[in-house]
C-alpha atoms as a PDB file:
ATOM      1  CA  MET A   1     336.439 163.045  -1.616  1.00  0.00           C
ATOM      2  CA  GLU A   2     338.643 166.028  -0.829  1.00  0.00           C
ATOM      3  CA  ASN A   3     339.156 168.514  -3.687  1.00  0.00           C
ATOM      4  CA  LEU A   4     342.868 168.494  -4.449  1.00  0.00           C
ATOM      5  CA  VAL A   5     342.437 170.948  -7.342  1.00  0.00           C
ATOM      6  CA  SER A   6     340.753 174.344  -6.872  1.00  0.00           C
ATOM      7  CA  GLY A   7     339.872 175.073 -10.502  1.00  0.00           C
ATOM      8  CA  ILE A   8     341.090 175.195 -14.076  1.00  0.00           C
ATOM      9  CA  GLY A   9     344.259 177.269 -14.348  1.00  0.00           C
ATOM     10  CA  GLY A  10     344.431 177.373 -18.130  1.00  0.00           C
ATOM     11  CA  ILE A  11     343.202 175.951 -21.400  1.00  0.00           C
ATOM     12  CA  PHE A  12     345.918 175.295 -23.975  1.00  0.00           C
ATOM     13  CA  PHE A  13     345.462 173.988 -27.500  1.00  0.00           C
ATOM     14  CA  ARG A  14     347.164 173.968 -30.887  1.00  0.00           C
ATOM     15  CA  SER A  15     346.099 176.451 -33.540  1.00  0.00           C
ATOM     16  CA  LYS A  16     346.962 177.193 -37.166  1.00  0.00           C
ATOM     17  CA  ASP A  17     346.884 180.942 -36.413  1.00  0.00           C
ATOM     18  CA  ASN A  18     347.387 181.322 -32.673  1.00  0.00           C
ATOM     19  CA  LYS A  19     347.497 185.137 -32.663  1.00  0.00           C
ATOM     20  CA  GLY A  20     344.453 185.492 -34.905  1.00  0.00           C
ATOM     21  CA  LEU A  21     342.470 182.927 -32.940  1.00  0.00           C
ATOM     22  CA  ALA A  22     343.408 184.604 -29.633  1.00  0.00           C
ATOM     23  CA  GLN A  23     342.086 187.904 -31.039  1.00  0.00           C
ATOM     24  CA  TRP A  24     338.857 186.179 -32.156  1.00  0.00           C
ATOM     25  CA  TYR A  25     338.218 184.770 -28.648  1.00  0.00           C
ATOM     26  CA  GLU A  26     338.918 188.169 -27.094  1.00  0.00           C
ATOM     27  CA  LYS A  27     336.625 189.971 -29.551  1.00  0.00           C
ATOM     28  CA  HIS A  28     333.662 187.600 -29.236  1.00  0.00           C
ATOM     29  CA  PHE A  29     333.947 186.317 -25.646  1.00  0.00           C
ATOM     30  CA  GLY A  30     336.075 188.922 -23.870  1.00  0.00           C
ATOM     31  CA  ILE A  31     338.729 186.327 -23.075  1.00  0.00           C
ATOM     32  CA  SER A  32     342.284 187.629 -23.072  1.00  0.00           C
ATOM     33  CA  MET A  33     345.568 185.843 -22.293  1.00  0.00           C
ATOM     34  CA  VAL A  34     344.835 185.933 -18.548  1.00  0.00           C
ATOM     35  CA  TRP A  35     341.142 185.894 -17.778  1.00  0.00           C
ATOM     36  CA  GLN A  36     339.498 186.352 -14.391  1.00  0.00           C
ATOM     37  CA  GLN A  37     336.434 184.141 -14.136  1.00  0.00           C
ATOM     38  CA  GLU A  38     333.400 184.372 -11.919  1.00  0.00           C
ATOM     39  CA  LYS A  39     333.006 181.664  -9.323  1.00  0.00           C
ATOM     40  CA  GLY A  40     330.699 178.903 -10.448  1.00  0.00           C
ATOM     41  CA  LYS A  41     330.361 175.271 -11.393  1.00  0.00           C
ATOM     42  CA  THR A  42     332.735 173.669 -13.885  1.00  0.00           C
ATOM     43  CA  ALA A  43     331.996 170.340 -15.551  1.00  0.00           C
ATOM     44  CA  PHE A  44     334.801 167.822 -16.017  1.00  0.00           C
ATOM     45  CA  ALA A  45     333.663 164.917 -18.154  1.00  0.00           C
ATOM     46  CA  PRO A  46     335.784 162.603 -20.290  1.00  0.00           C
ATOM     47  CA  PHE A  47     333.734 161.376 -23.262  1.00  0.00           C
ATOM     48  CA  LYS A  48     333.999 158.088 -25.144  1.00  0.00           C
ATOM     49  CA  ALA A  49     336.572 158.176 -27.967  1.00  0.00           C
ATOM     50  CA  ASP A  50     333.888 157.694 -30.629  1.00  0.00           C
ATOM     51  CA  THR A  51     331.524 160.452 -29.411  1.00  0.00           C
ATOM     52  CA  ASP A  52     329.997 162.701 -32.054  1.00  0.00           C
ATOM     53  CA  TYR A  53     329.123 165.340 -29.418  1.00  0.00           C
ATOM     54  CA  PHE A  54     332.125 167.491 -30.425  1.00  0.00           C
ATOM     55  CA  GLY A  55     330.961 167.544 -34.046  1.00  0.00           C
ATOM     56  CA  ASN A  56     334.269 166.668 -35.671  1.00  0.00           C
ATOM     57  CA  MET A  57     336.007 163.359 -34.901  1.00  0.00           C
ATOM     58  CA  ASP A  58     339.385 165.157 -35.124  1.00  0.00           C
ATOM     59  CA  GLN A  59     338.433 167.592 -32.336  1.00  0.00           C
ATOM     60  CA  GLN A  60     339.952 166.157 -29.168  1.00  0.00           C
ATOM     61  CA  PHE A  61     338.353 168.551 -26.673  1.00  0.00           C
ATOM     62  CA  MET A  62     335.527 171.057 -26.433  1.00  0.00           C
ATOM     63  CA  ILE A  63     335.470 174.219 -24.345  1.00  0.00           C
ATOM     64  CA  ASN A  64     332.241 174.945 -22.489  1.00  0.00           C
ATOM     65  CA  PHE A  65     331.737 178.604 -21.556  1.00  0.00           C
ATOM     66  CA  ARG A  66     329.365 179.429 -18.697  1.00  0.00           C
ATOM     67  CA  VAL A  67     327.350 182.504 -19.765  1.00  0.00           C
ATOM     68  CA  PRO A  68     324.808 184.690 -17.917  1.00  0.00           C
ATOM     69  CA  ASP A  69     322.459 185.263 -20.913  1.00  0.00           C
ATOM     70  CA  ILE A  70     322.787 182.791 -23.764  1.00  0.00           C
ATOM     71  CA  GLU A  71     320.272 184.512 -26.067  1.00  0.00           C
ATOM     72  CA  LYS A  72     321.987 187.888 -25.730  1.00  0.00           C
ATOM     73  CA  LEU A  73     325.365 186.334 -26.576  1.00  0.00           C
ATOM     74  CA  LEU A  74     323.951 184.347 -29.508  1.00  0.00           C
ATOM     75  CA  ASN A  75     322.404 187.530 -30.943  1.00  0.00           C
ATOM     76  CA  LYS A  76     325.739 189.317 -30.647  1.00  0.00           C
ATOM     77  CA  LEU A  77     327.605 186.411 -32.271  1.00  0.00           C
ATOM     78  CA  ASN A  78     325.023 186.200 -35.052  1.00  0.00           C
ATOM     79  CA  GLU A  79     325.490 189.906 -35.820  1.00  0.00           C
ATOM     80  CA  ALA A  80     329.250 189.250 -36.075  1.00  0.00           C
ATOM     81  CA  ASP A  81     328.646 186.366 -38.532  1.00  0.00           C
ATOM     82  CA  VAL A  82     330.013 183.736 -36.134  1.00  0.00           C
ATOM     83  CA  LYS A  83     328.963 180.240 -37.200  1.00  0.00           C
ATOM     84  CA  ILE A  84     326.170 179.110 -34.859  1.00  0.00           C
ATOM     85  CA  ASP A  85     324.840 175.554 -34.715  1.00  0.00           C
ATOM     86  CA  GLU A  86     321.075 175.433 -35.199  1.00  0.00           C
ATOM     87  CA  ASN A  87     320.676 172.894 -32.364  1.00  0.00           C
ATOM     88  CA  ARG A  88     319.725 174.105 -28.875  1.00  0.00           C
ATOM     89  CA  MET A  89     319.057 172.270 -25.655  1.00  0.00           C
ATOM     90  CA  ASN A  90     317.059 173.407 -22.640  1.00  0.00           C
ATOM     91  CA  ASP A  91     317.435 171.069 -19.680  1.00  0.00           C
ATOM     92  CA  ASP A  92     315.407 171.703 -16.515  1.00  0.00           C
ATOM     93  CA  THR A  93     318.223 170.298 -14.360  1.00  0.00           C
ATOM     94  CA  TYR A  94     321.284 171.904 -15.980  1.00  0.00           C
ATOM     95  CA  GLY A  95     320.122 174.885 -18.042  1.00  0.00           C
ATOM     96  CA  LYS A  96     320.339 176.117 -21.628  1.00  0.00           C
ATOM     97  CA  PHE A  97     322.947 174.991 -24.151  1.00  0.00           C
ATOM     98  CA  ALA A  98     323.976 176.212 -27.604  1.00  0.00           C
ATOM     99  CA  TRP A  99     327.012 175.627 -29.821  1.00  0.00           C
ATOM    100  CA  VAL A 100     329.157 177.897 -31.967  1.00  0.00           C
ATOM    101  CA  TYR A 101     332.360 177.426 -33.970  1.00  0.00           C
ATOM    102  CA  ASP A 102     335.596 179.375 -33.931  1.00  0.00           C
ATOM    103  CA  PRO A 103     337.334 180.287 -37.226  1.00  0.00           C
ATOM    104  CA  GLU A 104     339.322 177.023 -37.165  1.00  0.00           C
ATOM    105  CA  GLY A 105     336.140 174.938 -36.874  1.00  0.00           C
ATOM    106  CA  ASN A 106     336.414 174.101 -33.168  1.00  0.00           C
ATOM    107  CA  LYS A 107     332.971 173.514 -31.674  1.00  0.00           C
ATOM    108  CA  ILE A 108     332.372 175.568 -28.511  1.00  0.00           C
ATOM    109  CA  GLU A 109     329.563 174.877 -26.065  1.00  0.00           C
ATOM    110  CA  LEU A 110     327.732 177.778 -24.410  1.00  0.00           C
ATOM    111  CA  TRP A 111     325.934 177.025 -21.155  1.00  0.00           C
ATOM    112  CA  GLU A 112     323.515 179.199 -19.200  1.00  0.00           C
ATOM    113  CA  PRO A 113     323.100 177.321 -15.910  1.00  0.00           C
ATOM    114  CA  VAL A 114     319.732 177.030 -14.188  1.00  0.00           C
ATOM    115  CA  LYS A 115     319.351 179.874 -11.706  1.00  0.00           C
ATOM    116  CA  GLU A 116     319.741 178.541  -8.176  1.00  0.00           C
END
């Protein structure tokens, strides 16, 4: 099938403190209002409505950030007292996964893809 979309142009979501949360994402992930990404794979996967994968049944979406060194980032986030889920996953096909939470309790997936 022909790709009719070339990538994700933005991620928009509601927040109790939009300015504070934007600053948090910039501080911990280097993501500002307009963010230039590296070329790479992006997963697009609707989940069943009753999935517990997102952690909280009220969370309607989960952002997955592709990262070059998951352990380095987790160490940095730990030093900054970011809430880190104790679960980890290492998949030979896809790579390494870990989960963290932003200040509003949104679960974020970190993914270090398998080196090709």
